[in-house]
């Protein structure tokens, strides 16, 4: 199967953002802008309340990154102003999945992400 061209991929990414990611961010006063799609790498920028949120890396690692990487042709996702290696993102996602309730910072991050990921959980995962 041929890889999708960047224009077709752009439309598919926008549809995923509009359907599952932006509505949840907008409830919290934030948003996400799609900046670039080139050679399988997606560039996004947080907007609104998300700009100053210290949990942007968590949101990227647990919700946005996995949802977009589930789209055929997307190999990586980068957010303007968010610096986190893929290895760190994977460790963070694993820690949030396996942490017991009430475990300090992880609990706070889980609470923040719960609202962002709730629709993904109900729908059967980020690739739904």
N, C-alpha and C. Protein backbone atom coordinates (compact mmCIF):
# COMPACT_ATOMS: atom_id res chain seq x y z
N UNK A 1 0.84 -1.18 0.00
CA UNK A 1 0.00 0.00 0.00
C UNK A 1 0.88 1.24 0.00
N UNK A 2 0.55 2.20 -0.84
CA UNK A 2 1.33 3.43 -0.92
C UNK A 2 1.04 4.32 0.28
N UNK A 3 2.05 5.08 0.69
CA UNK A 3 1.87 6.03 1.78
C UNK A 3 0.98 7.17 1.28
N UNK A 4 0.11 7.71 2.15
CA UNK A 4 -0.74 8.82 1.73
C UNK A 4 0.09 10.06 1.48
N UNK A 5 -0.36 10.89 0.51
CA UNK A 5 0.36 12.14 0.30
C UNK A 5 0.06 13.10 1.45
N UNK A 6 0.89 14.14 1.58
CA UNK A 6 0.77 15.03 2.74
C UNK A 6 -0.58 15.74 2.78
N UNK A 7 -1.17 16.06 1.61
CA UNK A 7 -2.48 16.72 1.59
C UNK A 7 -3.58 15.82 2.13
N UNK A 8 -3.57 14.57 1.71
CA UNK A 8 -4.55 13.61 2.18
C UNK A 8 -4.35 13.34 3.68
N UNK A 9 -3.10 13.23 4.08
CA UNK A 9 -2.77 13.01 5.48
C UNK A 9 -3.22 14.21 6.32
N UNK A 10 -3.01 15.42 5.82
CA UNK A 10 -3.43 16.64 6.52
C UNK A 10 -4.93 16.58 6.82
N UNK A 11 -5.73 16.21 5.82
CA UNK A 11 -7.18 16.14 6.00
C UNK A 11 -7.57 15.08 7.04
N UNK A 12 -6.90 13.96 7.02
CA UNK A 12 -7.19 12.90 7.98
C UNK A 12 -6.82 13.34 9.40
N UNK A 13 -5.71 14.02 9.54
CA UNK A 13 -5.28 14.52 10.85
C UNK A 13 -6.27 15.57 11.36
N UNK A 14 -6.67 16.51 10.50
CA UNK A 14 -7.65 17.53 10.89
C UNK A 14 -8.95 16.88 11.35
N UNK A 15 -9.38 15.83 10.65
CA UNK A 15 -10.61 15.14 11.03
C UNK A 15 -10.47 14.52 12.42
N UNK A 16 -9.33 13.91 12.70
CA UNK A 16 -9.09 13.31 14.03
C UNK A 16 -9.05 14.40 15.10
N UNK A 17 -8.37 15.51 14.81
CA UNK A 17 -8.30 16.61 15.77
C UNK A 17 -9.69 17.18 16.03
N UNK A 18 -10.46 17.41 14.98
CA UNK A 18 -11.80 17.98 15.14
C UNK A 18 -12.76 17.04 15.84
N UNK A 19 -12.61 15.75 15.60
CA UNK A 19 -13.55 14.79 16.15
C UNK A 19 -13.27 14.37 17.57
N UNK A 20 -12.01 14.34 17.97
CA UNK A 20 -11.70 13.74 19.26
C UNK A 20 -10.82 14.58 20.18
N UNK A 21 -9.97 15.39 19.63
CA UNK A 21 -8.98 16.07 20.47
C UNK A 21 -9.38 17.50 20.78
N UNK A 22 -9.66 18.28 19.76
CA UNK A 22 -9.99 19.70 19.98
C UNK A 22 -11.19 19.90 20.90
N UNK A 23 -12.28 19.15 20.74
CA UNK A 23 -13.43 19.40 21.62
C UNK A 23 -13.08 19.29 23.11
N UNK A 24 -12.24 18.35 23.47
CA UNK A 24 -11.87 18.17 24.87
C UNK A 24 -10.96 19.31 25.33
N UNK A 25 -10.01 19.71 24.49
CA UNK A 25 -9.13 20.83 24.84
C UNK A 25 -9.95 22.11 24.97
N UNK A 26 -10.94 22.30 24.09
CA UNK A 26 -11.75 23.52 24.10
C UNK A 26 -12.61 23.61 25.36
N UNK A 27 -13.03 22.48 25.91
CA UNK A 27 -13.78 22.49 27.17
C UNK A 27 -12.93 23.09 28.28
N UNK A 28 -11.63 22.87 28.19
CA UNK A 28 -10.69 23.40 29.19
C UNK A 28 -10.17 24.79 28.83
N UNK A 29 -10.70 25.42 27.78
CA UNK A 29 -10.27 26.75 27.37
C UNK A 29 -9.06 26.75 26.46
N UNK A 30 -8.68 25.61 25.94
CA UNK A 30 -7.52 25.51 25.07
C UNK A 30 -7.89 25.10 23.66
N UNK A 31 -6.88 24.86 22.87
CA UNK A 31 -7.09 24.41 21.50
C UNK A 31 -5.77 23.90 20.96
N UNK A 32 -5.80 23.38 19.74
CA UNK A 32 -4.61 22.85 19.09
C UNK A 32 -4.67 23.23 17.62
N UNK A 33 -3.57 23.78 17.11
CA UNK A 33 -3.48 24.16 15.71
C UNK A 33 -2.53 23.22 15.00
N UNK A 34 -2.96 22.72 13.86
CA UNK A 34 -2.11 21.89 13.02
C UNK A 34 -1.24 22.83 12.19
N UNK A 35 0.08 22.72 12.34
CA UNK A 35 1.02 23.61 11.66
C UNK A 35 1.62 23.01 10.40
N UNK A 36 2.09 21.78 10.51
CA UNK A 36 2.79 21.15 9.39
C UNK A 36 2.52 19.65 9.35
N UNK A 37 2.60 19.12 8.15
CA UNK A 37 2.61 17.68 7.93
C UNK A 37 3.62 17.47 6.82
N UNK A 38 4.74 16.86 7.15
CA UNK A 38 5.79 16.65 6.16
C UNK A 38 6.55 15.37 6.47
N UNK A 39 6.61 14.50 5.48
CA UNK A 39 7.39 13.26 5.60
C UNK A 39 6.98 12.44 6.83
N UNK A 40 5.68 12.44 7.14
CA UNK A 40 5.19 11.63 8.25
C UNK A 40 5.30 12.28 9.62
N UNK A 41 5.82 13.50 9.69
CA UNK A 41 5.96 14.19 10.97
C UNK A 41 4.94 15.32 11.03
N UNK A 42 4.15 15.32 12.10
CA UNK A 42 3.09 16.30 12.30
C UNK A 42 3.59 17.34 13.29
N UNK A 43 3.39 18.61 12.96
CA UNK A 43 3.72 19.70 13.86
C UNK A 43 2.45 20.39 14.33
N UNK A 44 2.30 20.57 15.64
CA UNK A 44 1.12 21.21 16.21
C UNK A 44 1.55 22.31 17.18
N UNK A 45 0.59 23.19 17.51
CA UNK A 45 0.84 24.23 18.50
C UNK A 45 -0.37 24.31 19.43
N UNK A 46 -0.10 24.31 20.72
CA UNK A 46 -1.16 24.51 21.71
C UNK A 46 -1.59 25.97 21.68
N UNK A 47 -2.88 26.20 21.92
CA UNK A 47 -3.45 27.55 21.93
C UNK A 47 -4.25 27.75 23.21
N UNK A 48 -4.62 29.00 23.48
CA UNK A 48 -5.48 29.34 24.61
C UNK A 48 -4.89 28.94 25.95
N UNK A 49 -5.73 28.38 26.81
CA UNK A 49 -5.30 28.00 28.16
C UNK A 49 -4.20 26.95 28.15
N UNK A 50 -4.10 26.19 27.07
CA UNK A 50 -3.07 25.15 26.98
C UNK A 50 -1.66 25.74 26.91
N UNK A 51 -1.53 26.98 26.45
CA UNK A 51 -0.21 27.59 26.27
C UNK A 51 0.57 27.62 27.57
N UNK A 52 -0.03 27.98 28.65
CA UNK A 52 0.67 28.08 29.93
C UNK A 52 0.57 26.83 30.80
N UNK A 53 -0.07 25.81 30.31
CA UNK A 53 -0.29 24.61 31.13
C UNK A 53 0.99 23.79 31.25
N UNK A 54 1.43 23.50 32.47
CA UNK A 54 2.64 22.69 32.64
C UNK A 54 2.43 21.22 32.29
N UNK A 55 1.20 20.81 32.05
CA UNK A 55 0.93 19.41 31.73
C UNK A 55 0.83 19.15 30.22
N UNK A 56 1.27 20.10 29.41
CA UNK A 56 1.27 19.87 27.95
C UNK A 56 2.05 18.61 27.57
N UNK A 57 3.22 18.36 28.16
CA UNK A 57 3.92 17.13 27.80
C UNK A 57 3.11 15.87 28.11
N UNK A 58 2.36 15.90 29.21
CA UNK A 58 1.51 14.76 29.56
C UNK A 58 0.42 14.59 28.52
N UNK A 59 -0.23 15.67 28.16
CA UNK A 59 -1.28 15.63 27.15
C UNK A 59 -0.74 15.11 25.83
N UNK A 60 0.45 15.55 25.46
CA UNK A 60 1.06 15.07 24.21
C UNK A 60 1.38 13.59 24.30
N UNK A 61 1.97 13.17 25.42
CA UNK A 61 2.43 11.78 25.55
C UNK A 61 1.29 10.78 25.66
N UNK A 62 0.21 11.17 26.30
CA UNK A 62 -0.84 10.21 26.61
C UNK A 62 -2.03 10.29 25.65
N UNK A 63 -2.30 11.46 25.12
CA UNK A 63 -3.51 11.62 24.31
C UNK A 63 -3.22 11.98 22.86
N UNK A 64 -2.62 13.11 22.63
CA UNK A 64 -2.49 13.63 21.27
C UNK A 64 -1.52 12.80 20.44
N UNK A 65 -0.32 12.55 20.96
CA UNK A 65 0.66 11.77 20.21
C UNK A 65 0.15 10.40 19.79
N UNK A 66 -0.35 9.59 20.74
CA UNK A 66 -0.85 8.27 20.34
C UNK A 66 -2.02 8.33 19.36
N UNK A 67 -2.92 9.29 19.54
CA UNK A 67 -4.07 9.40 18.63
C UNK A 67 -3.62 9.70 17.21
N UNK A 68 -2.66 10.61 17.06
CA UNK A 68 -2.20 10.97 15.72
C UNK A 68 -1.29 9.91 15.12
N UNK A 69 -0.44 9.30 15.94
CA UNK A 69 0.43 8.23 15.42
C UNK A 69 -0.36 7.00 14.99
N UNK A 70 -1.59 6.87 15.46
CA UNK A 70 -2.44 5.76 15.04
C UNK A 70 -2.92 5.92 13.59
N UNK A 71 -2.75 7.11 13.03
CA UNK A 71 -3.14 7.36 11.64
C UNK A 71 -2.03 6.84 10.73
N UNK A 72 -2.40 6.04 9.75
CA UNK A 72 -1.42 5.51 8.80
C UNK A 72 -0.68 6.67 8.13
N UNK A 73 0.64 6.59 8.15
CA UNK A 73 1.46 7.63 7.53
C UNK A 73 2.06 8.61 8.52
N UNK A 74 1.55 8.64 9.75
CA UNK A 74 2.10 9.53 10.78
C UNK A 74 3.15 8.74 11.56
N UNK A 75 4.37 9.23 11.51
CA UNK A 75 5.47 8.57 12.21
C UNK A 75 5.89 9.29 13.47
N UNK A 76 5.60 10.58 13.54
CA UNK A 76 5.99 11.36 14.70
C UNK A 76 5.11 12.57 14.86
N UNK A 77 5.04 13.09 16.09
CA UNK A 77 4.25 14.28 16.39
C UNK A 77 5.11 15.19 17.26
N UNK A 78 5.22 16.44 16.83
CA UNK A 78 5.99 17.43 17.59
C UNK A 78 5.09 18.61 17.91
N UNK A 79 5.17 19.09 19.14
CA UNK A 79 4.40 20.26 19.54
C UNK A 79 5.35 21.42 19.79
N UNK A 80 5.03 22.54 19.20
CA UNK A 80 5.82 23.75 19.39
C UNK A 80 5.86 24.08 20.89
N UNK A 81 7.05 24.27 21.43
CA UNK A 81 7.20 24.64 22.83
C UNK A 81 7.14 23.49 23.81
N UNK A 82 6.97 22.27 23.33
CA UNK A 82 6.95 21.09 24.21
C UNK A 82 8.16 20.25 23.88
N UNK A 83 9.02 20.08 24.86
CA UNK A 83 10.24 19.32 24.64
C UNK A 83 10.19 18.04 25.48
N UNK A 84 10.05 16.94 24.77
CA UNK A 84 10.05 15.64 25.45
C UNK A 84 10.44 14.59 24.42
N UNK A 85 11.42 13.79 24.76
CA UNK A 85 11.85 12.74 23.84
C UNK A 85 10.77 11.67 23.74
N UNK A 86 10.80 10.90 22.66
CA UNK A 86 9.84 9.80 22.52
C UNK A 86 10.01 8.79 23.65
N UNK A 87 11.25 8.56 24.07
CA UNK A 87 11.50 7.62 25.16
C UNK A 87 10.87 8.13 26.46
N UNK A 88 11.02 9.43 26.73
CA UNK A 88 10.41 10.01 27.93
C UNK A 88 8.90 9.95 27.87
N UNK A 89 8.35 10.23 26.69
CA UNK A 89 6.89 10.17 26.51
C UNK A 89 6.37 8.76 26.76
N UNK A 90 7.10 7.77 26.28
CA UNK A 90 6.70 6.37 26.49
C UNK A 90 6.76 6.00 27.97
N UNK A 91 7.81 6.45 28.67
CA UNK A 91 7.93 6.17 30.11
C UNK A 91 6.79 6.85 30.88
N UNK A 92 6.48 8.09 30.51
CA UNK A 92 5.41 8.82 31.17
C UNK A 92 4.07 8.12 30.96
N UNK A 93 3.79 7.74 29.73
CA UNK A 93 2.53 7.05 29.44
C UNK A 93 2.44 5.75 30.24
N UNK A 94 3.52 5.01 30.32
CA UNK A 94 3.53 3.76 31.07
C UNK A 94 3.33 4.02 32.56
N UNK A 95 3.95 5.05 33.09
CA UNK A 95 3.81 5.39 34.50
C UNK A 95 2.37 5.78 34.83
N UNK A 96 1.75 6.55 33.95
CA UNK A 96 0.38 6.98 34.20
C UNK A 96 -0.60 5.81 34.12
N UNK A 97 -0.32 4.86 33.24
CA UNK A 97 -1.19 3.69 33.14
C UNK A 97 -1.08 2.81 34.37
N UNK A 98 0.12 2.68 34.93
CA UNK A 98 0.33 1.72 36.00
C UNK A 98 0.37 2.29 37.41
N UNK A 99 0.25 3.60 37.56
CA UNK A 99 0.38 4.20 38.90
C UNK A 99 -0.87 3.96 39.74
N UNK A 100 -0.67 3.65 41.02
CA UNK A 100 -1.84 3.49 41.90
C UNK A 100 -2.50 4.84 42.16
N UNK A 101 -3.81 4.86 42.39
CA UNK A 101 -4.50 6.12 42.70
C UNK A 101 -3.89 6.80 43.92
N UNK A 102 -3.86 8.12 43.89
CA UNK A 102 -3.38 8.89 45.02
C UNK A 102 -1.88 8.94 45.17
N UNK A 103 -1.13 8.77 44.06
CA UNK A 103 0.33 8.75 44.17
C UNK A 103 0.95 10.08 43.75
N UNK A 104 0.60 11.16 44.42
CA UNK A 104 1.24 12.46 44.24
C UNK A 104 1.08 13.07 42.87
N UNK A 105 2.20 13.48 42.27
CA UNK A 105 2.20 14.15 40.98
C UNK A 105 1.55 13.29 39.90
N UNK A 106 1.83 12.00 39.94
CA UNK A 106 1.23 11.11 38.94
C UNK A 106 -0.29 11.16 39.06
N UNK A 107 -0.81 11.21 40.27
CA UNK A 107 -2.26 11.29 40.46
C UNK A 107 -2.80 12.59 39.87
N UNK A 108 -2.10 13.69 40.09
CA UNK A 108 -2.52 14.96 39.53
C UNK A 108 -2.50 14.94 38.01
N UNK A 109 -1.47 14.37 37.45
CA UNK A 109 -1.37 14.27 35.99
C UNK A 109 -2.46 13.36 35.45
N UNK A 110 -2.72 12.27 36.16
CA UNK A 110 -3.78 11.36 35.72
C UNK A 110 -5.12 12.06 35.74
N UNK A 111 -5.39 12.85 36.75
CA UNK A 111 -6.66 13.58 36.84
C UNK A 111 -6.81 14.53 35.66
N UNK A 112 -5.75 15.24 35.33
CA UNK A 112 -5.78 16.17 34.20
C UNK A 112 -6.03 15.43 32.89
N UNK A 113 -5.34 14.34 32.71
CA UNK A 113 -5.43 13.60 31.45
C UNK A 113 -6.73 12.81 31.37
N UNK A 114 -7.31 12.46 32.52
CA UNK A 114 -8.54 11.66 32.51
C UNK A 114 -9.60 12.31 31.62
N UNK A 115 -9.80 13.61 31.77
CA UNK A 115 -10.78 14.30 30.95
C UNK A 115 -10.39 14.30 29.48
N UNK A 116 -9.10 14.43 29.21
CA UNK A 116 -8.65 14.45 27.83
C UNK A 116 -8.76 13.08 27.17
N UNK A 117 -8.52 12.04 27.95
CA UNK A 117 -8.49 10.70 27.38
C UNK A 117 -9.80 9.95 27.52
N UNK A 118 -10.75 10.51 28.25
CA UNK A 118 -11.99 9.79 28.52
C UNK A 118 -12.69 9.33 27.24
N UNK A 119 -12.77 10.20 26.24
CA UNK A 119 -13.44 9.81 25.01
C UNK A 119 -12.65 8.70 24.31
N UNK A 120 -11.33 8.73 24.42
CA UNK A 120 -10.51 7.67 23.80
C UNK A 120 -10.79 6.34 24.48
N UNK A 121 -10.94 6.34 25.79
CA UNK A 121 -11.20 5.12 26.53
C UNK A 121 -12.56 4.56 26.15
N UNK A 122 -13.59 5.43 26.12
CA UNK A 122 -14.93 4.99 25.76
C UNK A 122 -14.99 4.46 24.34
N UNK A 123 -14.19 5.06 23.44
CA UNK A 123 -14.22 4.68 22.03
C UNK A 123 -13.33 3.50 21.72
N UNK A 124 -12.59 3.00 22.69
CA UNK A 124 -11.78 1.82 22.47
C UNK A 124 -10.35 2.11 22.10
N UNK A 125 -9.81 3.28 22.47
CA UNK A 125 -8.41 3.57 22.25
C UNK A 125 -8.20 4.71 21.28
N UNK A 126 -6.95 5.14 21.19
CA UNK A 126 -6.58 6.30 20.37
C UNK A 126 -6.70 6.03 18.89
N UNK A 127 -6.75 4.77 18.48
CA UNK A 127 -6.78 4.49 17.06
C UNK A 127 -8.19 4.23 16.55
N UNK A 128 -9.20 4.56 17.33
CA UNK A 128 -10.59 4.34 16.93
C UNK A 128 -11.14 5.41 16.05
